[in-house]
Amino acid sequence: MVRAAYSSGKPTFAVGAGNVPVYIHRSVKDVKEAALMAITSKSFDNGTACVAEQSIVMDEPIADAAIAAFTAQGTFFLNEADQKRLADLIFTERGELRPEAVGLAAQELAQKINVKVPSDCKVLGAQLSEVGPQVPLSREILGPVLSFYRTADLATGFERCRQILAFGGEGHTLGLHCEDDEAIATLSALPAGRIVINHPRCSVGWVIVAPPTRLSCSERVLGAARSYRTTSLHSILSTSNASLTKCDHGALCIKRTWGFEHARSHKNTATPCEPRGDRVSRRGGEDLS
């Protein structure tokens, strides 16, 4: 139904698969904090939110520290044999999710594949080297399971994230843990409707601005009418959004608004800009802001 709507040539309100990659760059401020954010987000509601993390793509210089941080904070890494059993539990032979496995806690999933995990286990991890139908755990999983990839540098990290998004996640969400402005600018070219920087994907994708009824996929990539959250307010309000930035600098300046960060092009990064955002909602000419 969604595919037919997207193919109609008309604006479409729809949702899609969320195979969400999260890239941890070598410039990350705190690897332990990045791991905690990902685990907290992915374990929320037992991993059933499409906007939550699916794959962790690690820059090689911080990869060992990232694995250690994830392990220390509740991720249990499976060996290859256990990964195969988990994939058979979660997916059918055609690569479809088995409904009976959706939303099970990490402890329950481990028990069903006869793996003993620590009592504080929140997420099951699988270290992978490929993306595609031949590797079922590289798909979107509606459960507390994360795949992990090591990449040599920014270029290979970009390519790995692109592959993950192309395998069922284009137009949805990308996560970055990074303090390097040029790296953020490069990764912002990936086909995602939301690029969430230094923050848990789940909280930004769902609740940071307004409780949504739908989390649309990108109009730029998939042809949806909007990539922003769609709530009941959109059916009754005509809303105008204005964001003003006072800045005489240039290259890339990061401005922080409402608890998340986004990149804006400027000429140098010596001094950050001073953002000022104004949100005005009108219905029949009445100012509701």
C-alpha atoms as a PDB file:
ATOM      1  CA  MET A   1       0.000   0.000   0.000  1.00  0.00           C
ATOM      2  CA  VAL A   2       2.785   2.426   0.930  1.00  0.00           C
ATOM      3  CA  ARG A   3       4.685   1.592  -2.262  1.00  0.00           C
ATOM      4  CA  ALA A   4       1.584   2.192  -4.368  1.00  0.00           C
ATOM      5  CA  ALA A   5       1.019   5.540  -2.664  1.00  0.00           C
ATOM      6  CA  TYR A   6       4.624   6.629  -3.222  1.00  0.00           C
ATOM      7  CA  SER A   7       4.334   5.630  -6.890  1.00  0.00           C
ATOM      8  CA  SER A   8       1.144   7.632  -7.473  1.00  0.00           C
ATOM      9  CA  GLY A   9       2.946  10.883  -8.178  1.00  0.00           C
ATOM     10  CA  LYS A  10       1.005  12.698  -5.461  1.00  0.00           C
ATOM     11  CA  PRO A  11       2.161  13.897  -2.028  1.00  0.00           C
ATOM     12  CA  THR A  12       2.007  10.968   0.379  1.00  0.00           C
ATOM     13  CA  PHE A  13       1.831  10.635   4.158  1.00  0.00           C
ATOM     14  CA  ALA A  14       3.431   7.287   4.962  1.00  0.00           C
ATOM     15  CA  VAL A  15       6.028   5.561   7.065  1.00  0.00           C
ATOM     16  CA  GLY A  16       8.733   3.154   6.007  1.00  0.00           C
ATOM     17  CA  ALA A  17      11.376   0.784   7.266  1.00  0.00           C
ATOM     18  CA  GLY A  18      13.988   2.272   9.571  1.00  0.00           C
ATOM     19  CA  ASN A  19      17.290   0.461   9.169  1.00  0.00           C
ATOM     20  CA  VAL A  20      19.125   3.150  11.154  1.00  0.00           C
ATOM     21  CA  PRO A  21      22.947   3.308  11.113  1.00  0.00           C
ATOM     22  CA  VAL A  22      24.832   5.218  13.813  1.00  0.00           C
ATOM     23  CA  TYR A  23      28.382   6.284  12.997  1.00  0.00           C
ATOM     24  CA  ILE A  24      30.827   6.853  15.868  1.00  0.00           C
ATOM     25  CA  HIS A  25      33.674   8.999  14.533  1.00  0.00           C
ATOM     26  CA  ARG A  26      37.179   9.164  16.000  1.00  0.00           C
ATOM     27  CA  SER A  27      36.428  12.718  17.195  1.00  0.00           C
ATOM     28  CA  VAL A  28      33.626  11.523  19.497  1.00  0.00           C
ATOM     29  CA  LYS A  29      33.757  13.391  22.798  1.00  0.00           C
ATOM     30  CA  ASP A  30      32.907  10.426  25.057  1.00  0.00           C
ATOM     31  CA  VAL A  31      32.689   6.870  23.695  1.00  0.00           C
ATOM     32  CA  LYS A  32      31.071   5.595  26.894  1.00  0.00           C
ATOM     33  CA  GLU A  33      28.340   8.196  26.663  1.00  0.00           C
ATOM     34  CA  ALA A  34      27.733   7.367  22.994  1.00  0.00           C
ATOM     35  CA  ALA A  35      27.359   3.680  23.897  1.00  0.00           C
ATOM     36  CA  LEU A  36      24.992   4.476  26.758  1.00  0.00           C
ATOM     37  CA  MET A  37      22.816   6.611  24.483  1.00  0.00           C
ATOM     38  CA  ALA A  38      22.583   3.840  21.885  1.00  0.00           C
ATOM     39  CA  ILE A  39      21.801   1.135  24.448  1.00  0.00           C
ATOM     40  CA  THR A  40      19.190   3.275  26.197  1.00  0.00           C
ATOM     41  CA  SER A  41      17.514   4.115  22.905  1.00  0.00           C
ATOM     42  CA  LYS A  42      17.593   0.593  21.464  1.00  0.00           C
ATOM     43  CA  SER A  43      16.379  -1.088  24.654  1.00  0.00           C
ATOM     44  CA  PHE A  44      13.449   1.325  25.054  1.00  0.00           C
ATOM     45  CA  ASP A  45      10.203  -0.585  24.462  1.00  0.00           C
ATOM     46  CA  ASN A  46      12.387  -3.621  23.645  1.00  0.00           C
ATOM     47  CA  GLY A  47      13.641  -2.075  20.426  1.00  0.00           C
ATOM     48  CA  THR A  48      10.313  -1.824  18.592  1.00  0.00           C
ATOM     49  CA  ALA A  49      10.654   1.844  17.546  1.00  0.00           C
ATOM     50  CA  CYS A  50      11.637   2.103  13.882  1.00  0.00           C
ATOM     51  CA  VAL A  51      13.647   5.247  14.639  1.00  0.00           C
ATOM     52  CA  ALA A  52      15.941   3.454  17.115  1.00  0.00           C
ATOM     53  CA  GLU A  53      19.503   2.381  16.340  1.00  0.00           C
ATOM     54  CA  GLN A  54      19.982  -0.754  14.222  1.00  0.00           C
ATOM     55  CA  SER A  55      23.694  -0.744  13.358  1.00  0.00           C
ATOM     56  CA  ILE A  56      26.701   0.826  15.050  1.00  0.00           C
ATOM     57  CA  VAL A  57      29.407   1.804  12.544  1.00  0.00           C
ATOM     58  CA  MET A  58      32.692   2.414  14.367  1.00  0.00           C
ATOM     59  CA  ASP A  59      35.686   4.400  13.183  1.00  0.00           C
ATOM     60  CA  GLU A  60      38.687   2.076  13.665  1.00  0.00           C
ATOM     61  CA  PRO A  61      40.706   4.266  16.104  1.00  0.00           C
ATOM     62  CA  ILE A  62      37.855   4.133  18.658  1.00  0.00           C
ATOM     63  CA  ALA A  63      36.398   0.704  17.756  1.00  0.00           C
ATOM     64  CA  ASP A  64      37.992  -1.271  20.607  1.00  0.00           C
ATOM     65  CA  ALA A  65      36.980   1.373  23.149  1.00  0.00           C
ATOM     66  CA  ALA A  66      33.433   1.367  21.731  1.00  0.00           C
ATOM     67  CA  ILE A  67      33.112  -2.424  21.990  1.00  0.00           C
ATOM     68  CA  ALA A  68      34.365  -2.277  25.573  1.00  0.00           C
ATOM     69  CA  ALA A  69      31.919   0.534  26.417  1.00  0.00           C
ATOM     70  CA  PHE A  70      28.959  -1.321  24.932  1.00  0.00           C
ATOM     71  CA  THR A  71      29.939  -4.506  26.775  1.00  0.00           C
ATOM     72  CA  ALA A  72      30.328  -2.711  30.109  1.00  0.00           C
ATOM     73  CA  GLN A  73      26.909  -1.087  29.792  1.00  0.00           C
ATOM     74  CA  GLY A  74      24.749  -4.074  28.978  1.00  0.00           C
ATOM     75  CA  THR A  75      25.503  -5.409  25.484  1.00  0.00           C
ATOM     76  CA  PHE A  76      26.235  -9.121  25.138  1.00  0.00           C
ATOM     77  CA  PHE A  77      28.105 -10.007  21.932  1.00  0.00           C
ATOM     78  CA  LEU A  78      27.131 -13.272  20.240  1.00  0.00           C
ATOM     79  CA  ASN A  79      29.505 -15.621  18.435  1.00  0.00           C
ATOM     80  CA  GLU A  80      28.803 -16.593  14.819  1.00  0.00           C
ATOM     81  CA  ALA A  81      26.871 -19.765  15.686  1.00  0.00           C
ATOM     82  CA  ASP A  82      24.620 -17.893  18.114  1.00  0.00           C
ATOM     83  CA  GLN A  83      24.139 -15.119  15.546  1.00  0.00           C
ATOM     84  CA  LYS A  84      22.830 -17.742  13.103  1.00  0.00           C
ATOM     85  CA  ARG A  85      20.388 -19.110  15.692  1.00  0.00           C
ATOM     86  CA  LEU A  86      19.209 -15.608  16.534  1.00  0.00           C
ATOM     87  CA  ALA A  87      18.663 -14.783  12.861  1.00  0.00           C
ATOM     88  CA  ASP A  88      16.597 -17.968  12.421  1.00  0.00           C
ATOM     89  CA  LEU A  89      14.533 -17.008  15.470  1.00  0.00           C
ATOM     90  CA  ILE A  90      13.841 -13.448  14.273  1.00  0.00           C
ATOM     91  CA  PHE A  91      13.455 -13.937  10.512  1.00  0.00           C
ATOM     92  CA  THR A  92      11.670 -16.335   8.167  1.00  0.00           C
ATOM     93  CA  GLU A  93      13.449 -17.962   5.214  1.00  0.00           C
ATOM     94  CA  ARG A  94      12.192 -15.052   3.059  1.00  0.00           C
ATOM     95  CA  GLY A  95      13.774 -12.477   5.367  1.00  0.00           C
ATOM     96  CA  GLU A  96      10.504 -11.362   6.954  1.00  0.00           C
ATOM     97  CA  LEU A  97      10.218 -10.667  10.670  1.00  0.00           C
ATOM     98  CA  ARG A  98       8.536 -13.407  12.688  1.00  0.00           C
ATOM     99  CA  PRO A  99       5.728 -11.695  14.664  1.00  0.00           C
ATOM    100  CA  GLU A 100       6.292 -13.928  17.697  1.00  0.00           C
ATOM    101  CA  ALA A 101       9.870 -12.625  18.058  1.00  0.00           C
ATOM    102  CA  VAL A 102       9.035  -8.908  17.799  1.00  0.00           C
ATOM    103  CA  GLY A 103       9.462  -6.919  21.011  1.00  0.00           C
ATOM    104  CA  LEU A 104      11.011  -9.672  23.134  1.00  0.00           C
ATOM    105  CA  ALA A 105      13.525  -8.534  25.730  1.00  0.00           C
ATOM    106  CA  ALA A 106      17.207  -9.371  25.242  1.00  0.00           C
ATOM    107  CA  GLN A 107      17.017 -11.937  28.053  1.00  0.00           C
ATOM    108  CA  GLU A 108      14.066 -13.686  26.362  1.00  0.00           C
ATOM    109  CA  LEU A 109      15.765 -13.776  22.967  1.00  0.00           C
ATOM    110  CA  ALA A 110      18.920 -15.225  24.538  1.00  0.00           C
ATOM    111  CA  GLN A 111      16.935 -17.873  26.382  1.00  0.00           C
ATOM    112  CA  LYS A 112      15.199 -18.972  23.180  1.00  0.00           C
ATOM    113  CA  ILE A 113      18.574 -19.607  21.465  1.00  0.00           C
ATOM    114  CA  ASN A 114      20.041 -21.285  24.570  1.00  0.00           C
ATOM    115  CA  VAL A 115      22.543 -18.553  25.351  1.00  0.00           C
ATOM    116  CA  LYS A 116      23.236 -17.554  28.935  1.00  0.00           C
ATOM    117  CA  VAL A 117      23.657 -13.806  29.337  1.00  0.00           C
ATOM    118  CA  PRO A 118      24.361 -11.610  32.395  1.00  0.00           C
ATOM    119  CA  SER A 119      21.384 -10.447  34.412  1.00  0.00           C
ATOM    120  CA  ASP A 120      22.010  -6.831  33.363  1.00  0.00           C
ATOM    121  CA  CYS A 121      21.977  -7.615  29.616  1.00  0.00           C
ATOM    122  CA  LYS A 122      19.908  -5.011  27.746  1.00  0.00           C
ATOM    123  CA  VAL A 123      20.963  -5.568  24.133  1.00  0.00           C
ATOM    124  CA  LEU A 124      22.357  -8.437  22.056  1.00  0.00           C
ATOM    125  CA  GLY A 125      25.223  -7.505  19.730  1.00  0.00           C
ATOM    126  CA  ALA A 126      26.491  -9.061  16.498  1.00  0.00           C
ATOM    127  CA  GLN A 127      29.811  -8.036  14.948  1.00  0.00           C
ATOM    128  CA  LEU A 128      29.322  -8.222  11.170  1.00  0.00           C
ATOM    129  CA  SER A 129      31.357  -7.490   8.054  1.00  0.00           C
ATOM    130  CA  GLU A 130      28.659  -7.384   5.350  1.00  0.00           C
ATOM    131  CA  VAL A 131      25.265  -5.818   4.672  1.00  0.00           C
ATOM    132  CA  GLY A 132      22.549  -7.490   2.626  1.00  0.00           C
ATOM    133  CA  PRO A 133      20.082 -10.392   2.439  1.00  0.00           C
ATOM    134  CA  GLN A 134      22.917 -12.887   2.963  1.00  0.00           C
ATOM    135  CA  VAL A 135      23.383 -11.405   6.463  1.00  0.00           C
ATOM    136  CA  PRO A 136      19.904 -11.335   8.084  1.00  0.00           C
ATOM    137  CA  LEU A 137      21.054  -9.464  11.195  1.00  0.00           C
ATOM    138  CA  SER A 138      21.959  -6.482   8.990  1.00  0.00           C
ATOM    139  CA  ARG A 139      18.223  -5.938   8.402  1.00  0.00           C
ATOM    140  CA  GLU A 140      15.923  -3.784  10.512  1.00  0.00           C
ATOM    141  CA  ILE A 141      15.127  -5.722  13.701  1.00  0.00           C
ATOM    142  CA  LEU A 142      12.201  -4.793  15.921  1.00  0.00           C
ATOM    143  CA  GLY A 143      13.946  -5.958  19.057  1.00  0.00           C
ATOM    144  CA  PRO A 144      16.952  -5.150  21.280  1.00  0.00           C
ATOM    145  CA  VAL A 145      19.589  -6.349  18.809  1.00  0.00           C
ATOM    146  CA  LEU A 146      22.421  -4.219  17.375  1.00  0.00           C
ATOM    147  CA  SER A 147      24.840  -5.040  14.587  1.00  0.00           C
ATOM    148  CA  PHE A 148      28.388  -3.642  14.744  1.00  0.00           C
ATOM    149  CA  TYR A 149      30.798  -2.749  11.931  1.00  0.00           C
ATOM    150  CA  ARG A 150      34.403  -1.556  12.013  1.00  0.00           C
ATOM    151  CA  THR A 151      35.511   0.893   9.321  1.00  0.00           C
ATOM    152  CA  ALA A 152      39.002   2.173   8.551  1.00  0.00           C
ATOM    153  CA  ASP A 153      38.207   5.849   7.985  1.00  0.00           C
ATOM    154  CA  LEU A 154      35.492   8.376   7.186  1.00  0.00           C
ATOM    155  CA  ALA A 155      35.155   7.293   3.547  1.00  0.00           C
ATOM    156  CA  THR A 156      34.561   3.639   4.406  1.00  0.00           C
ATOM    157  CA  GLY A 157      32.283   4.662   7.267  1.00  0.00           C
ATOM    158  CA  PHE A 158      30.232   6.763   4.864  1.00  0.00           C
ATOM    159  CA  GLU A 159      29.978   3.840   2.445  1.00  0.00           C
ATOM    160  CA  ARG A 160      28.934   1.400   5.180  1.00  0.00           C
ATOM    161  CA  CYS A 161      26.214   3.762   6.385  1.00  0.00           C
ATOM    162  CA  ARG A 162      25.046   4.193   2.794  1.00  0.00           C
ATOM    163  CA  GLN A 163      24.798   0.410   2.373  1.00  0.00           C
ATOM    164  CA  ILE A 164      22.770   0.049   5.577  1.00  0.00           C
ATOM    165  CA  LEU A 165      20.377   2.830   4.579  1.00  0.00           C
ATOM    166  CA  ALA A 166      19.997   1.300   1.113  1.00  0.00           C
ATOM    167  CA  PHE A 167      19.088  -2.036   2.714  1.00  0.00           C
ATOM    168  CA  GLY A 168      15.682  -0.942   3.953  1.00  0.00           C
ATOM    169  CA  GLY A 169      16.352   2.438   5.554  1.00  0.00           C
ATOM    170  CA  GLU A 170      16.633   5.153   2.898  1.00  0.00           C
ATOM    171  CA  GLY A 171      14.882   8.368   3.830  1.00  0.00           C
ATOM    172  CA  HIS A 172      14.577   7.468   7.514  1.00  0.00           C
ATOM    173  CA  THR A 173      17.214   8.260  10.169  1.00  0.00           C
ATOM    174  CA  LEU A 174      20.994   8.499  10.575  1.00  0.00           C
ATOM    175  CA  GLY A 175      22.834   8.937  13.877  1.00  0.00           C
ATOM    176  CA  LEU A 176      26.251  10.540  14.369  1.00  0.00           C
ATOM    177  CA  HIS A 177      28.536  10.781  17.388  1.00  0.00           C
ATOM    178  CA  CYS A 178      31.098  13.266  16.187  1.00  0.00           C
ATOM    179  CA  GLU A 179      32.784  16.580  17.034  1.00  0.00           C
ATOM    180  CA  ASP A 180      34.419  17.111  13.632  1.00  0.00           C
ATOM    181  CA  ASP A 181      32.528  19.685  11.567  1.00  0.00           C
ATOM    182  CA  GLU A 182      33.889  18.498   8.218  1.00  0.00           C
ATOM    183  CA  ALA A 183      32.960  14.895   9.004  1.00  0.00           C
ATOM    184  CA  ILE A 184      29.431  15.993   9.897  1.00  0.00           C
ATOM    185  CA  ALA A 185      29.188  17.912   6.619  1.00  0.00           C
ATOM    186  CA  THR A 186      30.333  14.849   4.657  1.00  0.00           C
ATOM    187  CA  LEU A 187      27.963  12.427   6.392  1.00  0.00           C
ATOM    188  CA  SER A 188      25.038  14.831   6.032  1.00  0.00           C
ATOM    189  CA  ALA A 189      24.980  13.939   2.334  1.00  0.00           C
ATOM    190  CA  LEU A 190      23.642  10.467   3.177  1.00  0.00           C
ATOM    191  CA  PRO A 191      19.986   9.815   2.205  1.00  0.00           C
ATOM    192  CA  ALA A 192      18.253  10.219   5.571  1.00  0.00           C
ATOM    193  CA  GLY A 193      15.278  12.370   6.554  1.00  0.00           C
ATOM    194  CA  ARG A 194      16.622  12.948  10.082  1.00  0.00           C
ATOM    195  CA  ILE A 195      20.301  13.228  11.006  1.00  0.00           C
ATOM    196  CA  VAL A 196      20.627  13.117  14.783  1.00  0.00           C
ATOM    197  CA  ILE A 197      23.961  14.267  16.210  1.00  0.00           C
ATOM    198  CA  ASN A 198      25.283  13.333  19.673  1.00  0.00           C
ATOM    199  CA  HIS A 199      21.897  12.254  20.968  1.00  0.00           C
ATOM    200  CA  PRO A 200      19.861   9.028  21.319  1.00  0.00           C
ATOM    201  CA  ARG A 201      17.948   8.400  18.104  1.00  0.00           C
ATOM    202  CA  CYS A 202      14.747   7.266  19.810  1.00  0.00           C
ATOM    203  CA  SER A 203      14.148  10.377  21.900  1.00  0.00           C
ATOM    204  CA  VAL A 204      14.803  12.821  19.065  1.00  0.00           C
ATOM    205  CA  GLY A 205      12.888  10.835  16.482  1.00  0.00           C
ATOM    206  CA  TRP A 206       9.747  10.565  18.578  1.00  0.00           C
ATOM    207  CA  VAL A 207       9.268  13.015  21.392  1.00  0.00           C
ATOM    208  CA  ILE A 208      11.635  15.974  21.431  1.00  0.00           C
ATOM    209  CA  VAL A 209       9.259  18.382  19.706  1.00  0.00           C
ATOM    210  CA  ALA A 210       5.746  16.925  19.787  1.00  0.00           C
ATOM    211  CA  PRO A 211       4.085  13.535  20.338  1.00  0.00           C
ATOM    212  CA  PRO A 212       3.654  12.197  16.798  1.00  0.00           C
ATOM    213  CA  THR A 213       0.974  10.125  15.194  1.00  0.00           C
ATOM    214  CA  ARG A 214       3.311   9.280  12.291  1.00  0.00           C
ATOM    215  CA  LEU A 215       7.055   9.582  11.737  1.00  0.00           C
ATOM    216  CA  SER A 216       7.266  10.170   7.992  1.00  0.00           C
ATOM    217  CA  CYS A 217      10.164   9.228   5.734  1.00  0.00           C
ATOM    218  CA  SER A 218      12.033  11.751   3.667  1.00  0.00           C
ATOM    219  CA  GLU A 219      10.262  13.616   0.898  1.00  0.00           C
ATOM    220  CA  ARG A 220      13.717  14.195  -0.614  1.00  0.00           C
ATOM    221  CA  VAL A 221      14.465  10.482  -0.905  1.00  0.00           C
ATOM    222  CA  LEU A 222      11.193   8.600  -1.055  1.00  0.00           C
ATOM    223  CA  GLY A 223       8.629  11.140  -2.213  1.00  0.00           C
ATOM    224  CA  ALA A 224       6.673  11.485   1.042  1.00  0.00           C
ATOM    225  CA  ALA A 225       4.818  14.735   1.671  1.00  0.00           C
ATOM    226  CA  ARG A 226       7.065  15.545   4.624  1.00  0.00           C
ATOM    227  CA  SER A 227       9.979  14.108   6.577  1.00  0.00           C
ATOM    228  CA  TYR A 228       8.961  15.764   9.851  1.00  0.00           C
ATOM    229  CA  ARG A 229       6.707  14.160  12.505  1.00  0.00           C
ATOM    230  CA  THR A 230       3.040  14.351  11.606  1.00  0.00           C
ATOM    231  CA  THR A 231       0.634  14.968  14.482  1.00  0.00           C
ATOM    232  CA  SER A 232      -3.059  15.694  14.827  1.00  0.00           C
ATOM    233  CA  LEU A 233      -2.169  19.413  14.830  1.00  0.00           C
ATOM    234  CA  HIS A 234      -1.239  19.225  11.155  1.00  0.00           C
ATOM    235  CA  SER A 235      -4.857  18.533  10.226  1.00  0.00           C
ATOM    236  CA  ILE A 236      -6.175  21.675  11.957  1.00  0.00           C
ATOM    237  CA  LEU A 237      -3.341  24.216  11.935  1.00  0.00           C
ATOM    238  CA  SER A 238      -1.523  26.097   9.236  1.00  0.00           C
ATOM    239  CA  THR A 239       1.967  26.484  10.713  1.00  0.00           C
ATOM    240  CA  SER A 240       4.797  28.753   9.666  1.00  0.00           C
ATOM    241  CA  ASN A 241       8.301  28.160  11.047  1.00  0.00           C
ATOM    242  CA  ALA A 242      11.013  30.809  10.935  1.00  0.00           C
ATOM    243  CA  SER A 243      14.582  30.308  12.136  1.00  0.00           C
ATOM    244  CA  LEU A 244      16.974  33.249  12.183  1.00  0.00           C
ATOM    245  CA  THR A 245      20.706  32.893  12.692  1.00  0.00           C
ATOM    246  CA  LYS A 246      22.959  35.818  13.601  1.00  0.00           C
ATOM    247  CA  CYS A 247      26.348  34.875  12.208  1.00  0.00           C
ATOM    248  CA  ASP A 248      29.056  36.586  10.217  1.00  0.00           C
ATOM    249  CA  HIS A 249      31.310  33.555  10.224  1.00  0.00           C
ATOM    250  CA  GLY A 250      31.428  30.983   7.710  1.00  0.00           C
ATOM    251  CA  ALA A 251      32.395  26.884   6.960  1.00  0.00           C
ATOM    252  CA  LEU A 252      30.439  24.933   9.419  1.00  0.00           C
ATOM    253  CA  CYS A 253      28.968  26.081  12.695  1.00  0.00           C
ATOM    254  CA  ILE A 254      26.940  23.848  14.959  1.00  0.00           C
ATOM    255  CA  LYS A 255      23.937  25.448  16.530  1.00  0.00           C
ATOM    256  CA  ARG A 256      22.096  23.689  19.349  1.00  0.00           C
ATOM    257  CA  THR A 257      18.325  24.002  19.403  1.00  0.00           C
ATOM    258  CA  TRP A 258      15.783  22.172  21.625  1.00  0.00           C
ATOM    259  CA  GLY A 259      18.300  19.619  22.867  1.00  0.00           C
ATOM    260  CA  PHE A 260      19.621  18.381  19.530  1.00  0.00           C
ATOM    261  CA  GLU A 261      22.236  19.658  17.119  1.00  0.00           C
ATOM    262  CA  HIS A 262      22.233  20.360  13.417  1.00  0.00           C
ATOM    263  CA  ALA A 263      24.832  21.645  11.025  1.00  0.00           C
ATOM    264  CA  ARG A 264      24.667  24.915   9.149  1.00  0.00           C
ATOM    265  CA  SER A 265      27.094  26.095   6.449  1.00  0.00           C
ATOM    266  CA  HIS A 266      29.422  28.991   7.241  1.00  0.00           C
ATOM    267  CA  LYS A 267      32.973  30.006   6.297  1.00  0.00           C
ATOM    268  CA  ASN A 268      34.961  29.234   9.436  1.00  0.00           C
ATOM    269  CA  THR A 269      34.470  27.585  12.787  1.00  0.00           C
ATOM    270  CA  ALA A 270      36.446  29.920  15.023  1.00  0.00           C
ATOM    271  CA  THR A 271      33.386  31.351  16.771  1.00  0.00           C
ATOM    272  CA  PRO A 272      29.962  29.703  16.972  1.00  0.00           C
ATOM    273  CA  CYS A 273      26.878  31.582  15.827  1.00  0.00           C
ATOM    274  CA  GLU A 274      24.080  32.750  18.077  1.00  0.00           C
ATOM    275  CA  PRO A 275      20.926  31.001  16.882  1.00  0.00           C
ATOM    276  CA  ARG A 276      17.505  32.462  17.412  1.00  0.00           C
ATOM    277  CA  GLY A 277      14.431  30.463  16.464  1.00  0.00           C
ATOM    278  CA  ASP A 278      10.835  31.673  16.341  1.00  0.00           C
ATOM    279  CA  ARG A 279       7.871  29.342  15.893  1.00  0.00           C
ATOM    280  CA  VAL A 280       4.509  30.846  14.985  1.00  0.00           C
ATOM    281  CA  SER A 281       1.271  28.928  14.501  1.00  0.00           C
ATOM    282  CA  ARG A 282      -1.797  30.529  13.003  1.00  0.00           C
ATOM    283  CA  ARG A 283      -5.364  29.337  12.544  1.00  0.00           C
ATOM    284  CA  GLY A 284      -7.702  31.685  10.757  1.00  0.00           C
ATOM    285  CA  GLY A 285      -5.269  34.538  11.319  1.00  0.00           C
ATOM    286  CA  GLU A 286      -5.100  34.031  15.096  1.00  0.00           C
ATOM    287  CA  ASP A 287      -1.599  33.994  16.583  1.00  0.00           C
ATOM    288  CA  LEU A 288      -1.298  30.814  18.682  1.00  0.00           C
ATOM    289  CA  SER A 289       2.410  30.971  19.478  1.00  0.00           C
END
